[in-house]
Amino acid sequence: MVFETRDQGELRARLRSLRQARVDEATIRIDTLCGRLTQPTTYRLSRYVADG
């Protein structure tokens, strides 16, 4: 995992900076952990790293 936040705007800003750094978007994974009444929604950003 590279980054985790509850703020959707913060997630967008991080994605924008990765695009500006020319990170291959195919290696990026975004998970949305849906909140309920007791837990807020959390956004998790991960990057695939090949073995080796």
PDB file of N, CA and C in Angstrom:
ATOM      1  N   MET A   1       0.836  -1.168   0.000  1.00  0.00           N
ATOM      2  CA  MET A   1       0.000   0.000   0.000  1.00  0.00           C
ATOM      3  C   MET A   1       0.888   1.240   0.000  1.00  0.00           C
ATOM      4  N   VAL A   2       0.521   2.201  -0.812  1.00  0.00           N
ATOM      5  CA  VAL A   2       1.285   3.429  -0.935  1.00  0.00           C
ATOM      6  C   VAL A   2       0.674   4.540  -0.096  1.00  0.00           C
ATOM      7  N   PHE A   3      -0.661   4.605  -0.074  1.00  0.00           N
ATOM      8  CA  PHE A   3      -1.335   5.761   0.499  1.00  0.00           C
ATOM      9  C   PHE A   3      -2.741   5.375   0.931  1.00  0.00           C
ATOM     10  N   GLU A   4      -3.205   5.936   2.052  1.00  0.00           N
ATOM     11  CA  GLU A   4      -4.569   5.697   2.516  1.00  0.00           C
ATOM     12  C   GLU A   4      -5.116   6.987   3.105  1.00  0.00           C
ATOM     13  N   THR A   5      -6.357   7.307   2.770  1.00  0.00           N
ATOM     14  CA  THR A   5      -6.980   8.529   3.263  1.00  0.00           C
ATOM     15  C   THR A   5      -8.489   8.367   3.326  1.00  0.00           C
ATOM     16  N   ARG A   6      -9.127   9.227   4.077  1.00  0.00           N
ATOM     17  CA  ARG A   6     -10.591   9.291   4.108  1.00  0.00           C
ATOM     18  C   ARG A   6     -11.093  10.458   3.271  1.00  0.00           C
ATOM     19  N   ASP A   7     -10.177  11.246   2.751  1.00  0.00           N
ATOM     20  CA  ASP A   7     -10.506  12.450   1.990  1.00  0.00           C
ATOM     21  C   ASP A   7     -10.365  12.185   0.490  1.00  0.00           C
ATOM     22  N   GLN A   8     -11.478  12.233  -0.231  1.00  0.00           N
ATOM     23  CA  GLN A   8     -11.462  11.946  -1.666  1.00  0.00           C
ATOM     24  C   GLN A   8     -10.625  12.975  -2.430  1.00  0.00           C
ATOM     25  N   GLY A   9     -10.647  14.222  -2.011  1.00  0.00           N
ATOM     26  CA  GLY A   9      -9.839  15.256  -2.652  1.00  0.00           C
ATOM     27  C   GLY A   9      -8.350  14.995  -2.500  1.00  0.00           C
ATOM     28  N   GLU A  10      -7.962  14.502  -1.348  1.00  0.00           N
ATOM     29  CA  GLU A  10      -6.557  14.157  -1.100  1.00  0.00           C
ATOM     30  C   GLU A  10      -6.122  12.999  -2.003  1.00  0.00           C
ATOM     31  N   LEU A  11      -7.016  12.037  -2.194  1.00  0.00           N
ATOM     32  CA  LEU A  11      -6.731  10.923  -3.106  1.00  0.00           C
ATOM     33  C   LEU A  11      -6.525  11.436  -4.525  1.00  0.00           C
ATOM     34  N   ARG A  12      -7.407  12.310  -4.974  1.00  0.00           N
ATOM     35  CA  ARG A  12      -7.279  12.875  -6.324  1.00  0.00           C
ATOM     36  C   ARG A  12      -5.970  13.633  -6.496  1.00  0.00           C
ATOM     37  N   ALA A  13      -5.574  14.381  -5.475  1.00  0.00           N
ATOM     38  CA  ALA A  13      -4.312  15.123  -5.537  1.00  0.00           C
ATOM     39  C   ALA A  13      -3.123  14.169  -5.647  1.00  0.00           C
ATOM     40  N   ARG A  14      -3.164  13.069  -4.909  1.00  0.00           N
ATOM     41  CA  ARG A  14      -2.073  12.090  -4.971  1.00  0.00           C
ATOM     42  C   ARG A  14      -2.008  11.437  -6.346  1.00  0.00           C
ATOM     43  N   LEU A  15      -3.181  11.106  -6.915  1.00  0.00           N
ATOM     44  CA  LEU A  15      -3.219  10.526  -8.263  1.00  0.00           C
ATOM     45  C   LEU A  15      -2.681  11.513  -9.296  1.00  0.00           C
ATOM     46  N   ARG A  16      -3.033  12.777  -9.141  1.00  0.00           N
ATOM     47  CA  ARG A  16      -2.539  13.817 -10.053  1.00  0.00           C
ATOM     48  C   ARG A  16      -1.015  13.891 -10.006  1.00  0.00           C
ATOM     49  N   SER A  17      -0.451  13.827  -8.800  1.00  0.00           N
ATOM     50  CA  SER A  17       1.011  13.895  -8.682  1.00  0.00           C
ATOM     51  C   SER A  17       1.679  12.661  -9.288  1.00  0.00           C
ATOM     52  N   LEU A  18       1.041  11.500  -9.184  1.00  0.00           N
ATOM     53  CA  LEU A  18       1.594  10.299  -9.815  1.00  0.00           C
ATOM     54  C   LEU A  18       1.565  10.420 -11.336  1.00  0.00           C
ATOM     55  N   ARG A  19       0.490  10.982 -11.868  1.00  0.00           N
ATOM     56  CA  ARG A  19       0.410  11.184 -13.325  1.00  0.00           C
ATOM     57  C   ARG A  19       1.487  12.159 -13.797  1.00  0.00           C
ATOM     58  N   GLN A  20       1.703  13.222 -13.031  1.00  0.00           N
ATOM     59  CA  GLN A  20       2.734  14.195 -13.392  1.00  0.00           C
ATOM     60  C   GLN A  20       4.122  13.567 -13.352  1.00  0.00           C
ATOM     61  N   ALA A  21       4.305  12.597 -12.476  1.00  0.00           N
ATOM     62  CA  ALA A  21       5.582  11.885 -12.384  1.00  0.00           C
ATOM     63  C   ALA A  21       5.683  10.776 -13.429  1.00  0.00           C
ATOM     64  N   ARG A  22       4.655  10.658 -14.271  1.00  0.00           N
ATOM     65  CA  ARG A  22       4.588   9.678 -15.352  1.00  0.00           C
ATOM     66  C   ARG A  22       4.651   8.226 -14.866  1.00  0.00           C
ATOM     67  N   VAL A  23       4.014   7.986 -13.732  1.00  0.00           N
ATOM     68  CA  VAL A  23       3.888   6.620 -13.233  1.00  0.00           C
ATOM     69  C   VAL A  23       2.886   5.896 -14.123  1.00  0.00           C
ATOM     70  N   ASP A  24       3.195   4.675 -14.511  1.00  0.00           N
ATOM     71  CA  ASP A  24       2.311   3.880 -15.357  1.00  0.00           C
ATOM     72  C   ASP A  24       1.005   3.611 -14.608  1.00  0.00           C
ATOM     73  N   GLU A  25      -0.091   4.137 -15.118  1.00  0.00           N
ATOM     74  CA  GLU A  25      -1.383   4.002 -14.448  1.00  0.00           C
ATOM     75  C   GLU A  25      -1.855   2.554 -14.371  1.00  0.00           C
ATOM     76  N   ALA A  26      -1.341   1.696 -15.227  1.00  0.00           N
ATOM     77  CA  ALA A  26      -1.716   0.280 -15.186  1.00  0.00           C
ATOM     78  C   ALA A  26      -1.200  -0.402 -13.918  1.00  0.00           C
ATOM     79  N   THR A  27      -0.236   0.215 -13.244  1.00  0.00           N
ATOM     80  CA  THR A  27       0.316  -0.369 -12.023  1.00  0.00           C
ATOM     81  C   THR A  27      -0.361   0.163 -10.762  1.00  0.00           C
ATOM     82  N   ILE A  28      -1.337   1.054 -10.921  1.00  0.00           N
ATOM     83  CA  ILE A  28      -2.008   1.679  -9.785  1.00  0.00           C
ATOM     84  C   ILE A  28      -3.336   0.986  -9.506  1.00  0.00           C
ATOM     85  N   ARG A  29      -3.591   0.745  -8.250  1.00  0.00           N
ATOM     86  CA  ARG A  29      -4.861   0.147  -7.831  1.00  0.00           C
ATOM     87  C   ARG A  29      -5.495   1.055  -6.782  1.00  0.00           C
ATOM     88  N   ILE A  30      -6.786   1.322  -6.950  1.00  0.00           N
ATOM     89  CA  ILE A  30      -7.531   2.129  -5.990  1.00  0.00           C
ATOM     90  C   ILE A  30      -8.621   1.254  -5.381  1.00  0.00           C
ATOM     91  N   ASP A  31      -8.604   1.138  -4.078  1.00  0.00           N
ATOM     92  CA  ASP A  31      -9.646   0.407  -3.361  1.00  0.00           C
ATOM     93  C   ASP A  31     -10.467   1.407  -2.559  1.00  0.00           C
ATOM     94  N   THR A  32     -11.769   1.245  -2.600  1.00  0.00           N
ATOM     95  CA  THR A  32     -12.670   2.057  -1.793  1.00  0.00           C
ATOM     96  C   THR A  32     -13.283   1.142  -0.749  1.00  0.00           C
ATOM     97  N   LEU A  33     -12.913   1.369   0.486  1.00  0.00           N
ATOM     98  CA  LEU A  33     -13.441   0.580   1.588  1.00  0.00           C
ATOM     99  C   LEU A  33     -14.672   1.316   2.099  1.00  0.00           C
ATOM    100  N   CYS A  34     -15.824   0.826   1.704  1.00  0.00           N
ATOM    101  CA  CYS A  34     -17.083   1.528   1.964  1.00  0.00           C
ATOM    102  C   CYS A  34     -17.410   1.544   3.447  1.00  0.00           C
ATOM    103  N   GLY A  35     -17.653   2.739   3.924  1.00  0.00           N
ATOM    104  CA  GLY A  35     -18.007   2.907   5.321  1.00  0.00           C
ATOM    105  C   GLY A  35     -19.474   2.625   5.577  1.00  0.00           C
ATOM    106  N   ARG A  36     -19.763   2.392   6.793  1.00  0.00           N
ATOM    107  CA  ARG A  36     -21.139   2.220   7.257  1.00  0.00           C
ATOM    108  C   ARG A  36     -21.357   3.265   8.350  1.00  0.00           C
ATOM    109  N   LEU A  37     -22.296   3.040   9.180  1.00  0.00           N
ATOM    110  CA  LEU A  37     -22.587   4.006  10.234  1.00  0.00           C
ATOM    111  C   LEU A  37     -21.436   4.174  11.216  1.00  0.00           C
ATOM    112  N   THR A  38     -20.707   3.098  11.481  1.00  0.00           N
ATOM    113  CA  THR A  38     -19.640   3.163  12.482  1.00  0.00           C
ATOM    114  C   THR A  38     -18.265   3.428  11.893  1.00  0.00           C
ATOM    115  N   GLN A  39     -18.075   3.219  10.607  1.00  0.00           N
ATOM    116  CA  GLN A  39     -16.771   3.392   9.965  1.00  0.00           C
ATOM    117  C   GLN A  39     -16.891   4.330   8.771  1.00  0.00           C
ATOM    118  N   PRO A  40     -16.016   5.321   8.654  1.00  0.00           N
ATOM    119  CA  PRO A  40     -16.046   6.194   7.475  1.00  0.00           C
ATOM    120  C   PRO A  40     -15.464   5.484   6.247  1.00  0.00           C
ATOM    121  N   THR A  41     -15.824   5.953   5.068  1.00  0.00           N
ATOM    122  CA  THR A  41     -15.261   5.420   3.827  1.00  0.00           C
ATOM    123  C   THR A  41     -13.779   5.764   3.762  1.00  0.00           C
ATOM    124  N   THR A  42     -12.977   4.801   3.361  1.00  0.00           N
ATOM    125  CA  THR A  42     -11.535   4.981   3.255  1.00  0.00           C
ATOM    126  C   THR A  42     -11.099   4.629   1.842  1.00  0.00           C
ATOM    127  N   TYR A  43     -10.167   5.410   1.309  1.00  0.00           N
ATOM    128  CA  TYR A  43      -9.625   5.183  -0.027  1.00  0.00           C
ATOM    129  C   TYR A  43      -8.186   4.716   0.133  1.00  0.00           C
ATOM    130  N   ARG A  44      -7.846   3.629  -0.548  1.00  0.00           N
ATOM    131  CA  ARG A  44      -6.510   3.054  -0.448  1.00  0.00           C
ATOM    132  C   ARG A  44      -5.889   2.989  -1.837  1.00  0.00           C
ATOM    133  N   LEU A  45      -4.690   3.507  -1.959  1.00  0.00           N
ATOM    134  CA  LEU A  45      -3.956   3.541  -3.215  1.00  0.00           C
ATOM    135  C   LEU A  45      -2.759   2.606  -3.095  1.00  0.00           C
ATOM    136  N   SER A  46      -2.650   1.671  -4.030  1.00  0.00           N
ATOM    137  CA  SER A  46      -1.546   0.707  -4.035  1.00  0.00           C
ATOM    138  C   SER A  46      -0.869   0.730  -5.396  1.00  0.00           C
ATOM    139  N   ARG A  47       0.367   0.270  -5.416  1.00  0.00           N
ATOM    140  CA  ARG A  47       1.113   0.200  -6.671  1.00  0.00           C
ATOM    141  C   ARG A  47       1.698  -1.195  -6.816  1.00  0.00           C
ATOM    142  N   TYR A  48       1.462  -1.797  -7.982  1.00  0.00           N
ATOM    143  CA  TYR A  48       1.982  -3.130  -8.276  1.00  0.00           C
ATOM    144  C   TYR A  48       3.491  -3.051  -8.478  1.00  0.00           C
ATOM    145  N   VAL A  49       4.192  -3.957  -7.827  1.00  0.00           N
ATOM    146  CA  VAL A  49       5.642  -4.058  -7.987  1.00  0.00           C
ATOM    147  C   VAL A  49       5.946  -5.505  -8.366  1.00  0.00           C
ATOM    148  N   ALA A  50       6.583  -5.689  -9.500  1.00  0.00           N
ATOM    149  CA  ALA A  50       6.911  -7.033  -9.979  1.00  0.00           C
ATOM    150  C   ALA A  50       7.988  -7.670  -9.108  1.00  0.00           C
ATOM    151  N   ASP A  51       7.913  -8.977  -8.971  1.00  0.00           N
ATOM    152  CA  ASP A  51       8.944  -9.715  -8.238  1.00  0.00           C
ATOM    153  C   ASP A  51      10.254  -9.659  -9.015  1.00  0.00           C
ATOM    154  N   GLY A  52      11.325  -9.626  -8.253  1.00  0.00           N
ATOM    155  CA  GLY A  52      12.604  -9.710  -8.932  1.00  0.00           C
ATOM    156  C   GLY A  52      13.398  -8.559  -8.739  1.00  0.00           C
TER     157      GLY A  52
END
